[in-house]
Amino acid sequence: MLQRIQTIWIFLAVLAAVFLFITGQDIIISDQIPVIDIVCVILVLVGLLSVFSFKNRKRQILLNNISIIINALLIGVSVYWLLNLSGGIQFPEKGIEPVFPLIAMICLLIANIYIKKDERLVKSVDRLR
């Protein structure tokens, strides 16, 4: 059922990862590996897998929790990287990259609330049969 409300929230989280991929400044580690680009692709793939596993709500919650953890780590890396740039942390000069994972985390938390609500509804209907 792709028309459920939690699907919209997961799509918003995927959209935030896509925006981060587009606007994200490359955090380069050894051997010129762009960390944000790789993590954004992983987040998009996990989000789309979560959307299309709507029949298995427990897997959907697990995938959302994995995405939340990855987004939290991405926020930490982005803030650390922004603090180490010269000139302090002024968002107009350095970008709004840490905001996109935060938006994605909030959307995924709201999606998990609605998924758990659906799970409770299905269990209550199964009890009546």
N, C-alpha and C. Protein backbone atom coordinates (compact mmCIF):
# COMPACT_ATOMS: atom_id res chain seq x y z
N MET A 1 0.84 -1.18 0.00
CA MET A 1 0.00 0.00 0.00
C MET A 1 0.88 1.24 0.00
N LEU A 2 1.12 1.74 -1.15
CA LEU A 2 1.99 2.90 -1.26
C LEU A 2 1.28 4.20 -0.95
N GLN A 3 -0.01 4.16 -0.70
CA GLN A 3 -0.74 5.40 -0.46
C GLN A 3 -0.83 5.74 1.03
N ARG A 4 -0.12 5.03 1.88
CA ARG A 4 -0.18 5.31 3.31
C ARG A 4 0.63 6.55 3.64
N ILE A 5 0.33 7.16 4.78
CA ILE A 5 0.95 8.42 5.17
C ILE A 5 2.44 8.23 5.46
N GLN A 6 2.82 7.04 5.99
CA GLN A 6 4.24 6.85 6.31
C GLN A 6 5.08 6.78 5.05
N THR A 7 4.49 6.40 3.94
CA THR A 7 5.22 6.39 2.67
C THR A 7 5.62 7.80 2.27
N ILE A 8 4.72 8.74 2.50
CA ILE A 8 5.03 10.14 2.19
C ILE A 8 6.19 10.63 3.05
N TRP A 9 6.19 10.27 4.33
CA TRP A 9 7.27 10.71 5.22
C TRP A 9 8.60 10.07 4.82
N ILE A 10 8.56 8.82 4.39
CA ILE A 10 9.80 8.17 3.96
C ILE A 10 10.29 8.80 2.66
N PHE A 11 9.37 9.11 1.75
CA PHE A 11 9.77 9.79 0.52
C PHE A 11 10.38 11.17 0.80
N LEU A 12 9.86 11.87 1.80
CA LEU A 12 10.44 13.16 2.18
C LEU A 12 11.86 12.98 2.72
N ALA A 13 12.09 11.90 3.46
CA ALA A 13 13.44 11.62 3.96
C ALA A 13 14.38 11.28 2.81
N VAL A 14 13.89 10.53 1.82
CA VAL A 14 14.71 10.22 0.65
C VAL A 14 14.99 11.50 -0.13
N LEU A 15 14.00 12.37 -0.22
CA LEU A 15 14.18 13.64 -0.92
C LEU A 15 15.22 14.51 -0.21
N ALA A 16 15.24 14.48 1.11
CA ALA A 16 16.26 15.22 1.87
C ALA A 16 17.65 14.67 1.58
N ALA A 17 17.77 13.35 1.44
CA ALA A 17 19.07 12.75 1.10
C ALA A 17 19.50 13.15 -0.31
N VAL A 18 18.53 13.24 -1.22
CA VAL A 18 18.86 13.67 -2.59
C VAL A 18 19.31 15.12 -2.59
N PHE A 19 18.64 15.98 -1.83
CA PHE A 19 19.05 17.38 -1.73
C PHE A 19 20.45 17.50 -1.13
N LEU A 20 20.74 16.66 -0.13
CA LEU A 20 22.08 16.67 0.46
C LEU A 20 23.11 16.24 -0.56
N PHE A 21 22.77 15.26 -1.39
CA PHE A 21 23.68 14.81 -2.44
C PHE A 21 23.96 15.93 -3.43
N ILE A 22 22.92 16.70 -3.75
CA ILE A 22 23.07 17.78 -4.74
C ILE A 22 23.85 18.95 -4.15
N THR A 23 23.49 19.37 -2.93
CA THR A 23 24.10 20.57 -2.35
C THR A 23 25.30 20.28 -1.46
N GLY A 24 25.51 19.03 -1.10
CA GLY A 24 26.55 18.70 -0.13
C GLY A 24 27.94 18.97 -0.64
N GLN A 25 28.72 19.58 0.23
CA GLN A 25 30.12 19.78 -0.08
C GLN A 25 30.84 18.47 0.22
N ASP A 26 31.81 18.14 -0.59
CA ASP A 26 32.46 16.85 -0.44
C ASP A 26 33.39 16.83 0.75
N ILE A 27 33.10 15.94 1.67
CA ILE A 27 34.01 15.68 2.77
C ILE A 27 34.93 14.56 2.28
N ILE A 28 36.17 14.88 2.07
CA ILE A 28 37.11 13.94 1.46
C ILE A 28 37.95 13.29 2.57
N ILE A 29 37.98 11.96 2.55
CA ILE A 29 38.90 11.26 3.45
C ILE A 29 40.05 10.75 2.59
N SER A 30 40.84 9.87 3.12
CA SER A 30 42.04 9.42 2.41
C SER A 30 41.69 8.85 1.04
N ASP A 31 42.56 9.05 0.11
CA ASP A 31 42.45 8.58 -1.27
C ASP A 31 41.28 9.19 -2.02
N GLN A 32 40.90 10.40 -1.66
CA GLN A 32 39.89 11.18 -2.40
C GLN A 32 38.53 10.48 -2.48
N ILE A 33 38.04 9.93 -1.38
CA ILE A 33 36.73 9.29 -1.34
C ILE A 33 35.72 10.29 -0.80
N PRO A 34 34.72 10.70 -1.60
CA PRO A 34 33.71 11.64 -1.11
C PRO A 34 32.70 10.93 -0.19
N VAL A 35 32.78 11.22 1.08
CA VAL A 35 31.98 10.51 2.08
C VAL A 35 30.50 10.84 1.95
N ILE A 36 30.15 12.10 1.81
CA ILE A 36 28.74 12.49 1.79
C ILE A 36 28.04 11.89 0.58
N ASP A 37 28.69 11.84 -0.55
CA ASP A 37 28.06 11.28 -1.74
C ASP A 37 27.75 9.79 -1.57
N ILE A 38 28.68 9.05 -1.00
CA ILE A 38 28.47 7.62 -0.78
C ILE A 38 27.36 7.39 0.23
N VAL A 39 27.36 8.15 1.32
CA VAL A 39 26.35 8.00 2.35
C VAL A 39 24.97 8.38 1.82
N CYS A 40 24.90 9.41 0.98
CA CYS A 40 23.61 9.81 0.41
C CYS A 40 23.03 8.73 -0.50
N VAL A 41 23.88 8.09 -1.27
CA VAL A 41 23.41 7.00 -2.13
C VAL A 41 22.90 5.85 -1.28
N ILE A 42 23.60 5.53 -0.20
CA ILE A 42 23.16 4.47 0.71
C ILE A 42 21.82 4.84 1.34
N LEU A 43 21.67 6.10 1.77
CA LEU A 43 20.41 6.53 2.37
C LEU A 43 19.25 6.46 1.39
N VAL A 44 19.49 6.82 0.15
CA VAL A 44 18.42 6.75 -0.86
C VAL A 44 18.03 5.30 -1.10
N LEU A 45 19.01 4.41 -1.22
CA LEU A 45 18.71 3.00 -1.45
C LEU A 45 17.96 2.36 -0.27
N VAL A 46 18.40 2.67 0.95
CA VAL A 46 17.72 2.12 2.13
C VAL A 46 16.31 2.70 2.23
N GLY A 47 16.14 3.97 1.92
CA GLY A 47 14.81 4.59 1.96
C GLY A 47 13.86 3.99 0.94
N LEU A 48 14.34 3.77 -0.27
CA LEU A 48 13.49 3.17 -1.30
C LEU A 48 13.17 1.72 -0.97
N LEU A 49 14.14 1.00 -0.40
CA LEU A 49 13.86 -0.37 0.04
C LEU A 49 12.81 -0.38 1.15
N SER A 50 12.87 0.62 2.02
CA SER A 50 11.88 0.74 3.09
C SER A 50 10.49 1.04 2.53
N VAL A 51 10.42 1.88 1.53
CA VAL A 51 9.13 2.22 0.93
C VAL A 51 8.49 0.98 0.30
N PHE A 52 9.30 0.20 -0.40
CA PHE A 52 8.74 -0.93 -1.12
C PHE A 52 8.66 -2.21 -0.30
N SER A 53 8.99 -2.15 0.97
CA SER A 53 8.77 -3.30 1.86
C SER A 53 7.59 -3.00 2.78
N PHE A 54 6.51 -2.48 2.19
CA PHE A 54 5.35 -2.07 2.98
C PHE A 54 4.58 -3.26 3.53
N LYS A 55 4.77 -4.44 2.99
CA LYS A 55 4.06 -5.62 3.51
C LYS A 55 4.70 -6.15 4.78
N ASN A 56 5.97 -5.84 4.99
CA ASN A 56 6.69 -6.28 6.18
C ASN A 56 7.02 -5.05 7.03
N ARG A 57 6.12 -4.74 7.95
CA ARG A 57 6.26 -3.51 8.72
C ARG A 57 7.46 -3.55 9.67
N LYS A 58 7.80 -4.73 10.18
CA LYS A 58 8.96 -4.82 11.08
C LYS A 58 10.25 -4.51 10.32
N ARG A 59 10.36 -5.00 9.10
CA ARG A 59 11.54 -4.69 8.29
C ARG A 59 11.57 -3.20 7.95
N GLN A 60 10.39 -2.64 7.71
CA GLN A 60 10.32 -1.21 7.39
C GLN A 60 10.79 -0.36 8.57
N ILE A 61 10.39 -0.73 9.77
CA ILE A 61 10.85 -0.01 10.96
C ILE A 61 12.36 -0.18 11.15
N LEU A 62 12.87 -1.40 10.91
CA LEU A 62 14.30 -1.65 11.03
C LEU A 62 15.09 -0.80 10.03
N LEU A 63 14.64 -0.76 8.78
CA LEU A 63 15.33 0.04 7.77
C LEU A 63 15.28 1.53 8.11
N ASN A 64 14.14 1.99 8.63
CA ASN A 64 14.05 3.39 9.05
C ASN A 64 15.00 3.69 10.20
N ASN A 65 15.12 2.77 11.15
CA ASN A 65 16.04 2.97 12.27
C ASN A 65 17.49 3.00 11.79
N ILE A 66 17.82 2.16 10.82
CA ILE A 66 19.17 2.19 10.24
C ILE A 66 19.42 3.53 9.58
N SER A 67 18.42 4.04 8.85
CA SER A 67 18.57 5.35 8.21
C SER A 67 18.71 6.46 9.23
N ILE A 68 18.00 6.36 10.34
CA ILE A 68 18.11 7.37 11.38
C ILE A 68 19.52 7.38 11.97
N ILE A 69 20.08 6.20 12.20
CA ILE A 69 21.44 6.11 12.74
C ILE A 69 22.45 6.69 11.75
N ILE A 70 22.31 6.34 10.48
CA ILE A 70 23.22 6.87 9.47
C ILE A 70 23.10 8.39 9.38
N ASN A 71 21.88 8.91 9.44
CA ASN A 71 21.69 10.36 9.40
C ASN A 71 22.31 11.04 10.62
N ALA A 72 22.20 10.42 11.79
CA ALA A 72 22.81 11.00 12.99
C ALA A 72 24.32 11.04 12.86
N LEU A 73 24.92 9.98 12.34
CA LEU A 73 26.36 9.97 12.12
C LEU A 73 26.75 11.02 11.07
N LEU A 74 25.92 11.17 10.06
CA LEU A 74 26.20 12.15 9.02
C LEU A 74 26.13 13.58 9.56
N ILE A 75 25.20 13.83 10.46
CA ILE A 75 25.13 15.15 11.10
C ILE A 75 26.40 15.40 11.90
N GLY A 76 26.84 14.41 12.65
CA GLY A 76 28.07 14.56 13.43
C GLY A 76 29.28 14.85 12.58
N VAL A 77 29.42 14.10 11.47
CA VAL A 77 30.56 14.32 10.58
C VAL A 77 30.47 15.69 9.92
N SER A 78 29.27 16.08 9.51
CA SER A 78 29.11 17.39 8.85
C SER A 78 29.41 18.55 9.80
N VAL A 79 28.93 18.45 11.02
CA VAL A 79 29.18 19.52 11.99
C VAL A 79 30.67 19.58 12.34
N TYR A 80 31.30 18.42 12.50
CA TYR A 80 32.73 18.40 12.77
C TYR A 80 33.51 19.03 11.62
N TRP A 81 33.12 18.70 10.41
CA TRP A 81 33.79 19.25 9.23
C TRP A 81 33.57 20.76 9.13
N LEU A 82 32.34 21.21 9.42
CA LEU A 82 32.06 22.65 9.37
C LEU A 82 32.82 23.41 10.45
N LEU A 83 32.97 22.81 11.62
CA LEU A 83 33.70 23.47 12.69
C LEU A 83 35.19 23.58 12.39
N ASN A 84 35.71 22.67 11.61
CA ASN A 84 37.13 22.71 11.28
C ASN A 84 37.45 23.61 10.10
N LEU A 85 36.44 24.11 9.40
CA LEU A 85 36.69 25.06 8.33
C LEU A 85 37.07 26.41 8.92
N SER A 86 37.80 27.17 8.19
CA SER A 86 38.19 28.48 8.70
C SER A 86 37.01 29.44 8.67
N GLY A 87 36.95 30.34 9.62
CA GLY A 87 35.91 31.36 9.64
C GLY A 87 34.76 31.07 10.58
N GLY A 88 34.83 30.03 11.39
CA GLY A 88 33.76 29.74 12.32
C GLY A 88 32.60 29.03 11.63
N ILE A 89 31.51 28.89 12.36
CA ILE A 89 30.35 28.18 11.80
C ILE A 89 29.24 29.19 11.52
N GLN A 90 29.25 29.73 10.37
CA GLN A 90 28.20 30.65 9.94
C GLN A 90 27.54 30.03 8.73
N PHE A 91 26.28 29.66 8.89
CA PHE A 91 25.60 28.91 7.85
C PHE A 91 25.49 29.64 6.51
N PRO A 92 25.29 30.97 6.47
CA PRO A 92 25.23 31.58 5.14
C PRO A 92 26.50 31.41 4.33
N GLU A 93 27.65 31.32 4.99
CA GLU A 93 28.90 31.16 4.27
C GLU A 93 29.20 29.71 3.95
N LYS A 94 28.78 28.80 4.79
CA LYS A 94 29.23 27.41 4.66
C LYS A 94 28.15 26.45 4.20
N GLY A 95 26.93 26.86 4.13
CA GLY A 95 25.90 25.98 3.63
C GLY A 95 24.99 25.44 4.71
N ILE A 96 23.96 24.74 4.27
CA ILE A 96 22.96 24.22 5.20
C ILE A 96 22.96 22.70 5.19
N GLU A 97 24.09 22.09 4.89
CA GLU A 97 24.14 20.64 4.76
C GLU A 97 23.69 19.87 6.01
N PRO A 98 24.02 20.29 7.23
CA PRO A 98 23.56 19.52 8.39
C PRO A 98 22.05 19.56 8.61
N VAL A 99 21.35 20.46 7.94
CA VAL A 99 19.91 20.55 8.12
C VAL A 99 19.18 19.41 7.42
N PHE A 100 19.68 18.97 6.26
CA PHE A 100 19.00 17.92 5.51
C PHE A 100 18.95 16.59 6.24
N PRO A 101 20.04 16.11 6.86
CA PRO A 101 19.91 14.87 7.64
C PRO A 101 18.99 15.02 8.85
N LEU A 102 18.94 16.22 9.43
CA LEU A 102 18.04 16.45 10.55
C LEU A 102 16.58 16.36 10.09
N ILE A 103 16.28 16.95 8.95
CA ILE A 103 14.92 16.84 8.38
C ILE A 103 14.59 15.39 8.09
N ALA A 104 15.55 14.66 7.53
CA ALA A 104 15.32 13.24 7.22
C ALA A 104 15.06 12.44 8.49
N MET A 105 15.80 12.73 9.56
CA MET A 105 15.59 12.01 10.82
C MET A 105 14.20 12.27 11.38
N ILE A 106 13.76 13.50 11.33
CA ILE A 106 12.42 13.83 11.84
C ILE A 106 11.35 13.14 11.01
N CYS A 107 11.51 13.14 9.69
CA CYS A 107 10.54 12.48 8.81
C CYS A 107 10.50 10.97 9.08
N LEU A 108 11.66 10.36 9.29
CA LEU A 108 11.70 8.93 9.56
C LEU A 108 11.10 8.59 10.92
N LEU A 109 11.31 9.45 11.90
CA LEU A 109 10.68 9.21 13.21
C LEU A 109 9.16 9.28 13.11
N ILE A 110 8.64 10.24 12.37
CA ILE A 110 7.20 10.35 12.17
C ILE A 110 6.68 9.14 11.40
N ALA A 111 7.43 8.68 10.39
CA ALA A 111 7.03 7.49 9.63
C ALA A 111 6.98 6.27 10.55
N ASN A 112 7.95 6.14 11.45
CA ASN A 112 7.95 5.00 12.38
C ASN A 112 6.73 5.04 13.30
N ILE A 113 6.32 6.22 13.69
CA ILE A 113 5.11 6.33 14.54
C ILE A 113 3.90 5.80 13.79
N TYR A 114 3.75 6.18 12.52
CA TYR A 114 2.60 5.72 11.75
C TYR A 114 2.69 4.23 11.42
N ILE A 115 3.89 3.71 11.22
CA ILE A 115 4.04 2.28 10.96
C ILE A 115 3.65 1.48 12.20
N LYS A 116 4.08 1.93 13.36
CA LYS A 116 3.70 1.25 14.61
C LYS A 116 2.21 1.32 14.84
N LYS A 117 1.60 2.44 14.46
CA LYS A 117 0.15 2.59 14.58
C LYS A 117 -0.56 1.57 13.69
N ASP A 118 -0.07 1.39 12.46
CA ASP A 118 -0.64 0.38 11.57
C ASP A 118 -0.46 -1.03 12.12
N GLU A 119 0.70 -1.28 12.70
CA GLU A 119 0.98 -2.60 13.27
C GLU A 119 0.00 -2.91 14.41
N ARG A 120 -0.24 -1.92 15.27
CA ARG A 120 -1.21 -2.12 16.35
C ARG A 120 -2.61 -2.37 15.80
N LEU A 121 -2.98 -1.66 14.75
CA LEU A 121 -4.30 -1.83 14.14
C LEU A 121 -4.45 -3.23 13.57
N VAL A 122 -3.43 -3.72 12.89
CA VAL A 122 -3.50 -5.07 12.30
C VAL A 122 -3.57 -6.11 13.40
N LYS A 123 -2.81 -5.94 14.47
CA LYS A 123 -2.86 -6.91 15.57
C LYS A 123 -4.23 -6.91 16.26
N SER A 124 -4.84 -5.76 16.38
CA SER A 124 -6.15 -5.69 17.03
C SER A 124 -7.22 -6.34 16.15
N VAL A 125 -7.11 -6.21 14.85
CA VAL A 125 -8.06 -6.85 13.96
C VAL A 125 -7.85 -8.36 13.96
N ASP A 126 -6.61 -8.82 14.05
CA ASP A 126 -6.33 -10.25 14.11
C ASP A 126 -6.89 -10.87 15.39
N ARG A 127 -6.93 -10.12 16.46
CA ARG A 127 -7.49 -10.64 17.72
C ARG A 127 -8.99 -10.87 17.59
N LEU A 128 -9.67 -10.07 16.79
CA LEU A 128 -11.12 -10.19 16.66
C LEU A 128 -11.54 -11.40 15.84
N ARG A 129 -10.64 -11.89 15.00
CA ARG A 129 -11.03 -13.03 14.14
C ARG A 129 -11.09 -14.29 14.88
